[in-house]
Amino acid sequence: MKLFKTWTCSAALSLTLVGLASVAPAQEASAQSRSAKSETRAKSKSYRPAKPAQRKTRKAAVATVAVAAPMSFGKIYGLHTVDDPLDLKSSVALVLDQDTNEVLFAKNPRAVLPIASITKLMTALLVVEAGQSLDEVLTITEEDRDTEKGTHSRLSIGTQLTRGELLHLALMSSENRAANALGRHFPGGLGAFVHAMNTKARALGMADTHFVEPTGLSSNNQSSAKDLAQLVKVAHQFPLLREYSTSKEHVVDVGRHQMQFRTTNGLVRKSDWDIGLQKTGFINEAGQCLVMQAQLAGRKLIMVFLDSAGKYSRIGDAERVRKWLVAPSSTRP
């Protein structure tokens, strides 16, 4: 058996309410300063009355605020400032042996952050464990519309698909309306489903984890890399979850039409990866997220990456870890 060098990193971070509260005033002061400078330039370069120029400046300022994306919690907490020998773009990372629980690499593994659509892995686990018929036809309704982030869905209101198809789309394509519909049709409804999610988390020893809804659109769905590794380990025991989460694409019949959906994780298409289960996630507050079970260098591994900066950075981090693991031990950083 190949031996691996374990690397761990931790940072003492002081996350006071005063520090967090200072972000908004600083942003407001900066915006006021920019607005004042713009108004001065408008007055000096134009003979128009001052009032229209002020209105134009205010509109420009409003537009700037509207398109500004919120910082991820990891950035606010300063987790991105923690160095690691692989120069990962994720502020949180954990790699462990699935069979022995040996930690091979760790970076802020106990930091609690929003997990975005990684949430759907718990959603899928509960649906399978509940033993509900996968052939039952469910309907997408207004209740499944995203009122949290206003995101778009290809599943229009009134779409009818089986529970199995919705489960497939939730895992492979991270379909939010599919995940919400699964939760709504749980015995007792959506409230009972969320309660069951938290009960299951506690049963699995996921002490850092809390859920408020089944899609991951809410930043209040939070967990740690340590907890998510446990979730991946349990979910991997179910063949259906392994199959659906690692599908490359899937076609469903919607009325008289066919719709093709594809995976959100490009690594499942690569021949040099042997992935047994995976889930991606993204909202601004969570950054790019990825959890996987994969076999590398003769070992079954669980990999967790949270709050990665950049659209493709979570994939890049997974590749960096893979190269690090397969490289001769004498050449590793």
C-alpha atoms as a PDB file:
ATOM      1  CA  MET A   1       0.000   0.000   0.000  1.00  0.00           C
ATOM      2  CA  LYS A   2       1.243   3.433  -0.893  1.00  0.00           C
ATOM      3  CA  LEU A   3       2.011   5.757   1.969  1.00  0.00           C
ATOM      4  CA  PHE A   4       0.835   9.338   1.958  1.00  0.00           C
ATOM      5  CA  LYS A   5       2.172  12.334   3.812  1.00  0.00           C
ATOM      6  CA  THR A   6      -0.559  14.049   5.808  1.00  0.00           C
ATOM      7  CA  TRP A   7      -0.785  17.833   5.666  1.00  0.00           C
ATOM      8  CA  THR A   8      -2.998  19.858   7.974  1.00  0.00           C
ATOM      9  CA  CYS A   9      -3.494  23.532   8.421  1.00  0.00           C
ATOM     10  CA  SER A  10      -5.520  25.554  10.912  1.00  0.00           C
ATOM     11  CA  ALA A  11      -5.932  29.215  11.548  1.00  0.00           C
ATOM     12  CA  ALA A  12      -7.022  31.106  14.636  1.00  0.00           C
ATOM     13  CA  LEU A  13      -9.605  33.498  13.272  1.00  0.00           C
ATOM     14  CA  SER A  14     -11.359  36.110  15.396  1.00  0.00           C
ATOM     15  CA  LEU A  15     -14.794  36.608  13.868  1.00  0.00           C
ATOM     16  CA  THR A  16     -16.309  39.283  16.077  1.00  0.00           C
ATOM     17  CA  LEU A  17     -19.633  40.956  15.495  1.00  0.00           C
ATOM     18  CA  VAL A  18     -17.843  44.282  15.509  1.00  0.00           C
ATOM     19  CA  GLY A  19     -15.613  43.176  12.658  1.00  0.00           C
ATOM     20  CA  LEU A  20     -18.495  41.896  10.572  1.00  0.00           C
ATOM     21  CA  ALA A  21     -20.605  44.935  11.292  1.00  0.00           C
ATOM     22  CA  SER A  22     -17.832  47.215  10.082  1.00  0.00           C
ATOM     23  CA  VAL A  23     -18.092  45.882   6.541  1.00  0.00           C
ATOM     24  CA  ALA A  24     -21.367  47.657   5.736  1.00  0.00           C
ATOM     25  CA  PRO A  25     -20.372  51.112   7.072  1.00  0.00           C
ATOM     26  CA  ALA A  26     -17.070  50.928   5.191  1.00  0.00           C
ATOM     27  CA  GLN A  27     -18.840  50.054   1.958  1.00  0.00           C
ATOM     28  CA  GLU A  28     -21.363  52.844   2.504  1.00  0.00           C
ATOM     29  CA  ALA A  29     -18.610  55.405   3.143  1.00  0.00           C
ATOM     30  CA  SER A  30     -16.753  54.278   0.031  1.00  0.00           C
ATOM     31  CA  ALA A  31     -19.909  54.566  -2.073  1.00  0.00           C
ATOM     32  CA  GLN A  32     -20.597  58.068  -0.722  1.00  0.00           C
ATOM     33  CA  SER A  33     -17.023  59.131  -1.565  1.00  0.00           C
ATOM     34  CA  ARG A  34     -17.300  57.834  -5.136  1.00  0.00           C
ATOM     35  CA  SER A  35     -20.668  59.535  -5.561  1.00  0.00           C
ATOM     36  CA  ALA A  36     -19.259  62.870  -4.384  1.00  0.00           C
ATOM     37  CA  LYS A  37     -16.294  62.665  -6.794  1.00  0.00           C
ATOM     38  CA  SER A  38     -18.600  61.839  -9.717  1.00  0.00           C
ATOM     39  CA  GLU A  39     -20.838  64.799  -8.897  1.00  0.00           C
ATOM     40  CA  THR A  40     -17.833  67.170  -8.804  1.00  0.00           C
ATOM     41  CA  ARG A  41     -16.590  66.009 -12.206  1.00  0.00           C
ATOM     42  CA  ALA A  42     -20.083  66.341 -13.701  1.00  0.00           C
ATOM     43  CA  LYS A  43     -20.346  69.934 -12.512  1.00  0.00           C
ATOM     44  CA  SER A  44     -16.927  70.964 -13.817  1.00  0.00           C
ATOM     45  CA  LYS A  45     -17.367  69.488 -17.335  1.00  0.00           C
ATOM     46  CA  SER A  46     -20.948  70.505 -18.127  1.00  0.00           C
ATOM     47  CA  TYR A  47     -22.955  73.752 -18.348  1.00  0.00           C
ATOM     48  CA  ARG A  48     -26.197  71.916 -17.540  1.00  0.00           C
ATOM     49  CA  PRO A  49     -27.999  72.718 -14.294  1.00  0.00           C
ATOM     50  CA  ALA A  50     -26.661  70.872 -11.290  1.00  0.00           C
ATOM     51  CA  LYS A  51     -29.926  69.037 -10.519  1.00  0.00           C
ATOM     52  CA  PRO A  52     -30.007  66.754 -13.614  1.00  0.00           C
ATOM     53  CA  ALA A  53     -26.316  65.939 -13.137  1.00  0.00           C
ATOM     54  CA  GLN A  54     -27.048  64.873  -9.546  1.00  0.00           C
ATOM     55  CA  ARG A  55     -29.897  62.610 -10.702  1.00  0.00           C
ATOM     56  CA  LYS A  56     -27.600  60.953 -13.241  1.00  0.00           C
ATOM     57  CA  THR A  57     -24.945  60.366 -10.580  1.00  0.00           C
ATOM     58  CA  ARG A  58     -27.475  58.841  -8.211  1.00  0.00           C
ATOM     59  CA  LYS A  59     -28.736  56.473 -10.917  1.00  0.00           C
ATOM     60  CA  ALA A  60     -25.192  55.375 -11.689  1.00  0.00           C
ATOM     61  CA  ALA A  61     -24.525  54.721  -8.023  1.00  0.00           C
ATOM     62  CA  VAL A  62     -27.726  52.673  -7.691  1.00  0.00           C
ATOM     63  CA  ALA A  63     -26.781  50.600 -10.757  1.00  0.00           C
ATOM     64  CA  THR A  64     -23.351  49.862  -9.277  1.00  0.00           C
ATOM     65  CA  VAL A  65     -24.869  48.626  -6.018  1.00  0.00           C
ATOM     66  CA  ALA A  66     -27.388  46.447  -7.867  1.00  0.00           C
ATOM     67  CA  VAL A  67     -24.769  44.402  -9.746  1.00  0.00           C
ATOM     68  CA  ALA A  68     -22.312  44.015  -6.860  1.00  0.00           C
ATOM     69  CA  ALA A  69     -22.184  40.374  -5.707  1.00  0.00           C
ATOM     70  CA  PRO A  70     -21.976  39.748  -1.957  1.00  0.00           C
ATOM     71  CA  MET A  71     -18.740  38.343  -0.568  1.00  0.00           C
ATOM     72  CA  SER A  72     -18.627  34.706   0.425  1.00  0.00           C
ATOM     73  CA  PHE A  73     -18.699  33.952   4.133  1.00  0.00           C
ATOM     74  CA  GLY A  74     -15.248  32.417   3.810  1.00  0.00           C
ATOM     75  CA  LYS A  75     -13.813  35.671   2.490  1.00  0.00           C
ATOM     76  CA  ILE A  76     -15.549  37.688   5.185  1.00  0.00           C
ATOM     77  CA  TYR A  77     -14.084  35.355   7.822  1.00  0.00           C
ATOM     78  CA  GLY A  78     -10.610  35.638   6.301  1.00  0.00           C
ATOM     79  CA  LEU A  79     -10.294  31.924   5.502  1.00  0.00           C
ATOM     80  CA  HIS A  80      -8.771  32.640   2.073  1.00  0.00           C
ATOM     81  CA  THR A  81      -5.720  34.136   3.765  1.00  0.00           C
ATOM     82  CA  VAL A  82      -4.705  30.722   5.131  1.00  0.00           C
ATOM     83  CA  ASP A  83      -1.785  29.327   3.117  1.00  0.00           C
ATOM     84  CA  ASP A  84      -1.387  25.695   2.109  1.00  0.00           C
ATOM     85  CA  PRO A  85       1.390  23.881   0.207  1.00  0.00           C
ATOM     86  CA  LEU A  86      -0.853  23.105  -2.777  1.00  0.00           C
ATOM     87  CA  ASP A  87      -1.960  26.726  -3.180  1.00  0.00           C
ATOM     88  CA  LEU A  88      -5.629  25.717  -3.309  1.00  0.00           C
ATOM     89  CA  LYS A  89      -8.227  28.317  -4.221  1.00  0.00           C
ATOM     90  CA  SER A  90     -10.716  26.774  -1.798  1.00  0.00           C
ATOM     91  CA  SER A  91     -10.724  28.251   1.679  1.00  0.00           C
ATOM     92  CA  VAL A  92     -11.762  24.852   3.066  1.00  0.00           C
ATOM     93  CA  ALA A  93     -10.474  21.455   1.932  1.00  0.00           C
ATOM     94  CA  LEU A  94     -10.432  17.944   3.346  1.00  0.00           C
ATOM     95  CA  VAL A  95      -9.154  14.672   1.879  1.00  0.00           C
ATOM     96  CA  LEU A  96      -9.455  11.446   3.846  1.00  0.00           C
ATOM     97  CA  ASP A  97      -9.251   7.697   3.343  1.00  0.00           C
ATOM     98  CA  GLN A  98     -12.796   6.314   3.120  1.00  0.00           C
ATOM     99  CA  ASP A  99     -11.904   3.001   4.762  1.00  0.00           C
ATOM    100  CA  THR A 100      -9.574   4.134   7.555  1.00  0.00           C
ATOM    101  CA  ASN A 101     -10.691   7.763   8.067  1.00  0.00           C
ATOM    102  CA  GLU A 102      -7.031   8.789   7.871  1.00  0.00           C
ATOM    103  CA  VAL A 103      -6.817  12.491   7.065  1.00  0.00           C
ATOM    104  CA  LEU A 104      -4.421  13.058   4.170  1.00  0.00           C
ATOM    105  CA  PHE A 105      -4.958  16.782   3.697  1.00  0.00           C
ATOM    106  CA  ALA A 106      -6.875  19.354   5.727  1.00  0.00           C
ATOM    107  CA  LYS A 107      -7.391  23.087   5.465  1.00  0.00           C
ATOM    108  CA  ASN A 108      -9.859  24.723   7.868  1.00  0.00           C
ATOM    109  CA  PRO A 109     -11.846  21.445   8.123  1.00  0.00           C
ATOM    110  CA  ARG A 110     -14.022  22.636  11.028  1.00  0.00           C
ATOM    111  CA  ALA A 111     -14.977  26.017   9.554  1.00  0.00           C
ATOM    112  CA  VAL A 112     -18.763  26.237   9.265  1.00  0.00           C
ATOM    113  CA  LEU A 113     -19.898  27.785   5.968  1.00  0.00           C
ATOM    114  CA  PRO A 114     -22.905  27.817   3.624  1.00  0.00           C
ATOM    115  CA  ILE A 115     -22.829  24.671   1.455  1.00  0.00           C
ATOM    116  CA  ALA A 116     -25.169  25.637  -1.417  1.00  0.00           C
ATOM    117  CA  SER A 117     -26.379  22.644  -3.458  1.00  0.00           C
ATOM    118  CA  ILE A 118     -24.274  20.139  -1.539  1.00  0.00           C
ATOM    119  CA  THR A 119     -27.507  20.239   0.467  1.00  0.00           C
ATOM    120  CA  LYS A 120     -29.145  18.107  -2.233  1.00  0.00           C
ATOM    121  CA  LEU A 121     -27.038  15.133  -1.190  1.00  0.00           C
ATOM    122  CA  MET A 122     -28.879  15.057   2.140  1.00  0.00           C
ATOM    123  CA  THR A 123     -32.169  15.639   0.293  1.00  0.00           C
ATOM    124  CA  ALA A 124     -31.514  12.632  -1.931  1.00  0.00           C
ATOM    125  CA  LEU A 125     -30.403  10.477   0.996  1.00  0.00           C
ATOM    126  CA  LEU A 126     -33.681  11.086   2.843  1.00  0.00           C
ATOM    127  CA  VAL A 127     -35.795  10.363  -0.261  1.00  0.00           C
ATOM    128  CA  VAL A 128     -34.077   7.012  -0.800  1.00  0.00           C
ATOM    129  CA  GLU A 129     -34.187   6.032   2.870  1.00  0.00           C
ATOM    130  CA  ALA A 130     -37.897   6.913   3.081  1.00  0.00           C
ATOM    131  CA  GLY A 131     -38.643   4.204   0.508  1.00  0.00           C
ATOM    132  CA  GLN A 132     -41.132   6.342  -1.446  1.00  0.00           C
ATOM    133  CA  SER A 133     -42.077   5.089  -4.902  1.00  0.00           C
ATOM    134  CA  LEU A 134     -39.670   6.355  -7.545  1.00  0.00           C
ATOM    135  CA  ASP A 135     -42.400   5.842 -10.176  1.00  0.00           C
ATOM    136  CA  GLU A 136     -44.922   8.201  -8.567  1.00  0.00           C
ATOM    137  CA  VAL A 137     -45.535  11.248 -10.765  1.00  0.00           C
ATOM    138  CA  LEU A 138     -44.988  14.590  -9.033  1.00  0.00           C
ATOM    139  CA  THR A 139     -45.926  18.056 -10.306  1.00  0.00           C
ATOM    140  CA  ILE A 140     -43.781  21.177 -10.201  1.00  0.00           C
ATOM    141  CA  THR A 141     -45.873  23.993  -8.690  1.00  0.00           C
ATOM    142  CA  GLU A 142     -45.513  27.648  -7.728  1.00  0.00           C
ATOM    143  CA  GLU A 143     -44.305  26.443  -4.343  1.00  0.00           C
ATOM    144  CA  ASP A 144     -41.142  25.201  -6.057  1.00  0.00           C
ATOM    145  CA  ARG A 145     -40.268  28.589  -7.558  1.00  0.00           C
ATOM    146  CA  ASP A 146     -37.054  30.108  -6.181  1.00  0.00           C
ATOM    147  CA  THR A 147     -38.055  33.078  -4.037  1.00  0.00           C
ATOM    148  CA  GLU A 148     -34.664  33.107  -2.266  1.00  0.00           C
ATOM    149  CA  LYS A 149     -32.350  33.992  -5.178  1.00  0.00           C
ATOM    150  CA  GLY A 150     -34.749  34.290  -8.132  1.00  0.00           C
ATOM    151  CA  THR A 151     -32.870  31.679 -10.157  1.00  0.00           C
ATOM    152  CA  HIS A 152     -34.200  30.210 -13.402  1.00  0.00           C
ATOM    153  CA  SER A 153     -35.276  26.600 -13.872  1.00  0.00           C
ATOM    154  CA  ARG A 154     -35.868  24.582 -17.025  1.00  0.00           C
ATOM    155  CA  LEU A 155     -38.690  22.788 -15.228  1.00  0.00           C
ATOM    156  CA  SER A 156     -41.642  25.096 -15.822  1.00  0.00           C
ATOM    157  CA  ILE A 157     -44.604  25.279 -13.478  1.00  0.00           C
ATOM    158  CA  GLY A 158     -46.903  22.351 -14.238  1.00  0.00           C
ATOM    159  CA  THR A 159     -44.118  19.986 -15.336  1.00  0.00           C
ATOM    160  CA  GLN A 160     -44.835  16.400 -14.323  1.00  0.00           C
ATOM    161  CA  LEU A 161     -42.019  13.922 -13.745  1.00  0.00           C
ATOM    162  CA  THR A 162     -41.568  10.815 -11.643  1.00  0.00           C
ATOM    163  CA  ARG A 163     -39.902  11.022  -8.269  1.00  0.00           C
ATOM    164  CA  GLY A 164     -36.996   9.053  -9.694  1.00  0.00           C
ATOM    165  CA  GLU A 165     -36.513  11.530 -12.541  1.00  0.00           C
ATOM    166  CA  LEU A 166     -36.619  14.483 -10.165  1.00  0.00           C
ATOM    167  CA  LEU A 167     -34.087  12.765  -7.924  1.00  0.00           C
ATOM    168  CA  HIS A 168     -31.831  12.184 -10.926  1.00  0.00           C
ATOM    169  CA  LEU A 169     -32.002  15.842 -12.028  1.00  0.00           C
ATOM    170  CA  ALA A 170     -31.453  17.138  -8.493  1.00  0.00           C
ATOM    171  CA  LEU A 171     -28.228  15.148  -8.111  1.00  0.00           C
ATOM    172  CA  MET A 172     -26.802  15.334 -11.635  1.00  0.00           C
ATOM    173  CA  SER A 173     -27.901  18.810 -12.768  1.00  0.00           C
ATOM    174  CA  SER A 174     -28.567  20.373  -9.364  1.00  0.00           C
ATOM    175  CA  GLU A 175     -32.167  21.203 -10.354  1.00  0.00           C
ATOM    176  CA  ASN A 176     -33.593  23.366  -7.566  1.00  0.00           C
ATOM    177  CA  ARG A 177     -37.272  22.915  -8.356  1.00  0.00           C
ATOM    178  CA  ALA A 178     -36.749  19.158  -8.521  1.00  0.00           C
ATOM    179  CA  ALA A 179     -35.185  19.145  -5.049  1.00  0.00           C
ATOM    180  CA  ASN A 180     -37.917  21.322  -3.557  1.00  0.00           C
ATOM    181  CA  ALA A 181     -40.644  19.152  -5.063  1.00  0.00           C
ATOM    182  CA  LEU A 182     -39.025  16.084  -3.504  1.00  0.00           C
ATOM    183  CA  GLY A 183     -39.134  17.789  -0.127  1.00  0.00           C
ATOM    184  CA  ARG A 184     -42.763  18.891  -0.527  1.00  0.00           C
ATOM    185  CA  HIS A 185     -43.892  15.340  -1.282  1.00  0.00           C
ATOM    186  CA  PHE A 186     -42.219  13.891   1.796  1.00  0.00           C
ATOM    187  CA  PRO A 187     -44.686  12.520   4.407  1.00  0.00           C
ATOM    188  CA  GLY A 188     -45.812  15.534   6.416  1.00  0.00           C
ATOM    189  CA  GLY A 189     -44.724  18.066   3.786  1.00  0.00           C
ATOM    190  CA  LEU A 190     -41.773  20.419   3.466  1.00  0.00           C
ATOM    191  CA  GLY A 191     -41.577  21.335   7.142  1.00  0.00           C
ATOM    192  CA  ALA A 192     -41.388  17.688   8.143  1.00  0.00           C
ATOM    193  CA  PHE A 193     -38.740  17.102   5.500  1.00  0.00           C
ATOM    194  CA  VAL A 194     -36.455  19.882   6.794  1.00  0.00           C
ATOM    195  CA  HIS A 195     -36.909  18.545  10.326  1.00  0.00           C
ATOM    196  CA  ALA A 196     -35.919  15.087   9.064  1.00  0.00           C
ATOM    197  CA  MET A 197     -32.813  16.567   7.398  1.00  0.00           C
ATOM    198  CA  ASN A 198     -31.598  17.990  10.700  1.00  0.00           C
ATOM    199  CA  THR A 199     -32.531  14.843  12.591  1.00  0.00           C
ATOM    200  CA  LYS A 200     -30.512  12.752  10.134  1.00  0.00           C
ATOM    201  CA  ALA A 201     -27.561  15.137  10.433  1.00  0.00           C
ATOM    202  CA  ARG A 202     -27.535  14.694  14.205  1.00  0.00           C
ATOM    203  CA  ALA A 203     -27.823  10.919  13.839  1.00  0.00           C
ATOM    204  CA  LEU A 204     -24.749  10.931  11.599  1.00  0.00           C
ATOM    205  CA  GLY A 205     -22.781  12.984  14.118  1.00  0.00           C
ATOM    206  CA  MET A 206     -22.816  16.094  11.924  1.00  0.00           C
ATOM    207  CA  ALA A 207     -22.681  18.541  14.826  1.00  0.00           C
ATOM    208  CA  ASP A 208     -21.681  21.524  12.647  1.00  0.00           C
ATOM    209  CA  THR A 209     -24.609  21.122  10.243  1.00  0.00           C
ATOM    210  CA  HIS A 210     -27.969  22.864   9.983  1.00  0.00           C
ATOM    211  CA  PHE A 211     -30.584  22.936   7.196  1.00  0.00           C
ATOM    212  CA  VAL A 212     -33.541  25.257   6.573  1.00  0.00           C
ATOM    213  CA  GLU A 213     -34.624  24.012   3.107  1.00  0.00           C
ATOM    214  CA  PRO A 214     -33.832  21.170   0.650  1.00  0.00           C
ATOM    215  CA  THR A 215     -32.172  22.980  -2.289  1.00  0.00           C
ATOM    216  CA  GLY A 216     -29.187  24.879  -0.875  1.00  0.00           C
ATOM    217  CA  LEU A 217     -30.330  28.265  -2.145  1.00  0.00           C
ATOM    218  CA  SER A 218     -30.407  29.591   1.420  1.00  0.00           C
ATOM    219  CA  SER A 219     -27.096  30.611   2.974  1.00  0.00           C
ATOM    220  CA  ASN A 220     -28.508  29.310   6.270  1.00  0.00           C
ATOM    221  CA  ASN A 221     -27.840  25.752   5.094  1.00  0.00           C
ATOM    222  CA  GLN A 222     -24.413  25.369   6.660  1.00  0.00           C
ATOM    223  CA  SER A 223     -21.894  22.660   7.477  1.00  0.00           C
ATOM    224  CA  SER A 224     -18.181  21.879   7.816  1.00  0.00           C
ATOM    225  CA  ALA A 225     -15.886  19.790   5.636  1.00  0.00           C
ATOM    226  CA  LYS A 226     -15.629  17.241   8.433  1.00  0.00           C
ATOM    227  CA  ASP A 227     -19.414  16.803   8.520  1.00  0.00           C
ATOM    228  CA  LEU A 228     -19.774  16.678   4.745  1.00  0.00           C
ATOM    229  CA  ALA A 229     -17.167  13.941   4.505  1.00  0.00           C
ATOM    230  CA  GLN A 230     -19.378  11.861   6.771  1.00  0.00           C
ATOM    231  CA  LEU A 231     -22.420  12.613   4.584  1.00  0.00           C
ATOM    232  CA  VAL A 232     -20.538  11.527   1.444  1.00  0.00           C
ATOM    233  CA  LYS A 233     -19.434   8.320   3.147  1.00  0.00           C
ATOM    234  CA  VAL A 234     -23.020   7.393   4.050  1.00  0.00           C
ATOM    235  CA  ALA A 235     -24.550   8.463   0.726  1.00  0.00           C
ATOM    236  CA  HIS A 236     -21.983   6.366  -1.149  1.00  0.00           C
ATOM    237  CA  GLN A 237     -23.555   3.242   0.353  1.00  0.00           C
ATOM    238  CA  PHE A 238     -26.625   3.685  -1.907  1.00  0.00           C
ATOM    239  CA  PRO A 239     -26.137   2.457  -5.510  1.00  0.00           C
ATOM    240  CA  LEU A 240     -28.892   4.748  -6.829  1.00  0.00           C
ATOM    241  CA  LEU A 241     -27.199   7.855  -5.432  1.00  0.00           C
ATOM    242  CA  ARG A 242     -23.886   6.770  -6.906  1.00  0.00           C
ATOM    243  CA  GLU A 243     -25.491   6.189 -10.311  1.00  0.00           C
ATOM    244  CA  TYR A 244     -27.540   9.388 -10.471  1.00  0.00           C
ATOM    245  CA  SER A 245     -24.846  11.722  -9.124  1.00  0.00           C
ATOM    246  CA  THR A 246     -22.218  10.488 -11.605  1.00  0.00           C
ATOM    247  CA  SER A 247     -24.419  10.450 -14.719  1.00  0.00           C
ATOM    248  CA  LYS A 248     -22.994  12.502 -17.551  1.00  0.00           C
ATOM    249  CA  GLU A 249     -26.388  13.393 -19.053  1.00  0.00           C
ATOM    250  CA  HIS A 250     -30.033  12.369 -18.936  1.00  0.00           C
ATOM    251  CA  VAL A 251     -33.076  12.914 -21.165  1.00  0.00           C
ATOM    252  CA  VAL A 252     -36.586  13.295 -19.729  1.00  0.00           C
ATOM    253  CA  ASP A 253     -39.951  13.484 -21.484  1.00  0.00           C
ATOM    254  CA  VAL A 254     -41.790  16.678 -20.620  1.00  0.00           C
ATOM    255  CA  GLY A 255     -45.197  16.608 -22.287  1.00  0.00           C
ATOM    256  CA  ARG A 256     -44.601  16.051 -25.987  1.00  0.00           C
ATOM    257  CA  HIS A 257     -41.011  17.234 -25.791  1.00  0.00           C
ATOM    258  CA  GLN A 258     -37.728  15.774 -24.649  1.00  0.00           C
ATOM    259  CA  MET A 259     -35.287  17.735 -22.517  1.00  0.00           C
ATOM    260  CA  GLN A 260     -31.633  16.877 -22.095  1.00  0.00           C
ATOM    261  CA  PHE A 261     -29.841  17.652 -18.841  1.00  0.00           C
ATOM    262  CA  ARG A 262     -26.103  17.402 -18.174  1.00  0.00           C
ATOM    263  CA  THR A 263     -23.858  17.035 -15.158  1.00  0.00           C
ATOM    264  CA  THR A 264     -22.571  20.096 -13.339  1.00  0.00           C
ATOM    265  CA  ASN A 265     -19.230  18.365 -12.674  1.00  0.00           C
ATOM    266  CA  GLY A 266     -16.952  18.046 -15.699  1.00  0.00           C
ATOM    267  CA  LEU A 267     -14.652  15.632 -13.854  1.00  0.00           C
ATOM    268  CA  VAL A 268     -17.120  12.761 -14.318  1.00  0.00           C
ATOM    269  CA  ARG A 269     -16.418  12.957 -18.066  1.00  0.00           C
ATOM    270  CA  LYS A 270     -12.655  12.567 -17.627  1.00  0.00           C
ATOM    271  CA  SER A 271     -11.126   9.130 -18.115  1.00  0.00           C
ATOM    272  CA  ASP A 272      -8.407   9.716 -15.519  1.00  0.00           C
ATOM    273  CA  TRP A 273     -10.975  10.106 -12.744  1.00  0.00           C
ATOM    274  CA  ASP A 274     -12.810   7.189 -11.110  1.00  0.00           C
ATOM    275  CA  ILE A 275     -15.620   8.985  -9.272  1.00  0.00           C
ATOM    276  CA  GLY A 276     -18.125   6.983  -7.262  1.00  0.00           C
ATOM    277  CA  LEU A 277     -20.316   9.855  -6.018  1.00  0.00           C
ATOM    278  CA  GLN A 278     -20.236  13.628  -6.357  1.00  0.00           C
ATOM    279  CA  LYS A 279     -22.169  16.846  -5.829  1.00  0.00           C
ATOM    280  CA  THR A 280     -21.410  20.434  -6.741  1.00  0.00           C
ATOM    281  CA  GLY A 281     -22.804  23.661  -5.335  1.00  0.00           C
ATOM    282  CA  PHE A 282     -22.703  27.422  -5.719  1.00  0.00           C
ATOM    283  CA  ILE A 283     -24.295  30.530  -4.294  1.00  0.00           C
ATOM    284  CA  ASN A 284     -22.414  33.791  -3.746  1.00  0.00           C
ATOM    285  CA  GLU A 285     -22.319  33.292   0.017  1.00  0.00           C
ATOM    286  CA  ALA A 286     -20.852  29.788  -0.321  1.00  0.00           C
ATOM    287  CA  GLY A 287     -18.501  30.187  -3.273  1.00  0.00           C
ATOM    288  CA  GLN A 288     -17.824  27.187  -5.518  1.00  0.00           C
ATOM    289  CA  CYS A 289     -18.240  23.887  -3.652  1.00  0.00           C
ATOM    290  CA  LEU A 290     -17.550  20.239  -4.478  1.00  0.00           C
ATOM    291  CA  VAL A 291     -17.715  16.922  -2.631  1.00  0.00           C
ATOM    292  CA  MET A 292     -16.649  13.591  -4.131  1.00  0.00           C
ATOM    293  CA  GLN A 293     -15.882   9.972  -3.456  1.00  0.00           C
ATOM    294  CA  ALA A 294     -13.130   8.845  -5.817  1.00  0.00           C
ATOM    295  CA  GLN A 295     -10.543   6.101  -6.174  1.00  0.00           C
ATOM    296  CA  LEU A 296      -6.984   7.351  -6.588  1.00  0.00           C
ATOM    297  CA  ALA A 297      -3.674   5.542  -6.369  1.00  0.00           C
ATOM    298  CA  GLY A 298      -5.380   2.399  -5.131  1.00  0.00           C
ATOM    299  CA  ARG A 299      -7.262   4.088  -2.294  1.00  0.00           C
ATOM    300  CA  LYS A 300     -10.903   5.096  -1.869  1.00  0.00           C
ATOM    301  CA  LEU A 301     -10.900   8.756  -0.930  1.00  0.00           C
ATOM    302  CA  ILE A 302     -13.423  11.373   0.120  1.00  0.00           C
ATOM    303  CA  MET A 303     -12.711  14.922  -1.000  1.00  0.00           C
ATOM    304  CA  VAL A 304     -14.407  18.139   0.129  1.00  0.00           C
ATOM    305  CA  PHE A 305     -13.775  21.636  -1.258  1.00  0.00           C
ATOM    306  CA  LEU A 306     -15.748  24.643   0.030  1.00  0.00           C
ATOM    307  CA  ASP A 307     -15.711  28.343  -0.820  1.00  0.00           C
ATOM    308  CA  SER A 308     -13.467  28.078  -3.856  1.00  0.00           C
ATOM    309  CA  ALA A 309     -12.846  31.363  -5.665  1.00  0.00           C
ATOM    310  CA  GLY A 310     -13.452  31.294  -9.424  1.00  0.00           C
ATOM    311  CA  LYS A 311     -15.826  29.415 -11.724  1.00  0.00           C
ATOM    312  CA  TYR A 312     -13.480  26.490 -12.397  1.00  0.00           C
ATOM    313  CA  SER A 313     -11.357  26.671  -9.264  1.00  0.00           C
ATOM    314  CA  ARG A 314     -13.038  23.771  -7.467  1.00  0.00           C
ATOM    315  CA  ILE A 315     -12.162  21.526 -10.426  1.00  0.00           C
ATOM    316  CA  GLY A 316      -8.634  22.921 -10.437  1.00  0.00           C
ATOM    317  CA  ASP A 317      -8.259  22.215  -6.721  1.00  0.00           C
ATOM    318  CA  ALA A 318      -9.410  18.618  -7.197  1.00  0.00           C
ATOM    319  CA  GLU A 319      -6.825  18.204  -9.962  1.00  0.00           C
ATOM    320  CA  ARG A 320      -4.077  19.666  -7.755  1.00  0.00           C
ATOM    321  CA  VAL A 321      -4.918  17.225  -4.980  1.00  0.00           C
ATOM    322  CA  ARG A 322      -5.014  14.290  -7.421  1.00  0.00           C
ATOM    323  CA  LYS A 323      -1.560  15.132  -8.797  1.00  0.00           C
ATOM    324  CA  TRP A 324      -0.243  15.544  -5.261  1.00  0.00           C
ATOM    325  CA  LEU A 325      -1.582  12.141  -4.237  1.00  0.00           C
ATOM    326  CA  VAL A 326      -0.240  10.200  -7.222  1.00  0.00           C
ATOM    327  CA  ALA A 327       3.170  11.900  -7.220  1.00  0.00           C
ATOM    328  CA  PRO A 328       6.136  10.134  -5.587  1.00  0.00           C
ATOM    329  CA  SER A 329       6.289  11.052  -1.920  1.00  0.00           C
ATOM    330  CA  SER A 330       9.799  12.484  -2.325  1.00  0.00           C
ATOM    331  CA  THR A 331       8.527  15.131  -4.751  1.00  0.00           C
ATOM    332  CA  ARG A 332       5.512  16.310  -2.767  1.00  0.00           C
ATOM    333  CA  PRO A 333       5.502  19.739  -1.108  1.00  0.00           C
END
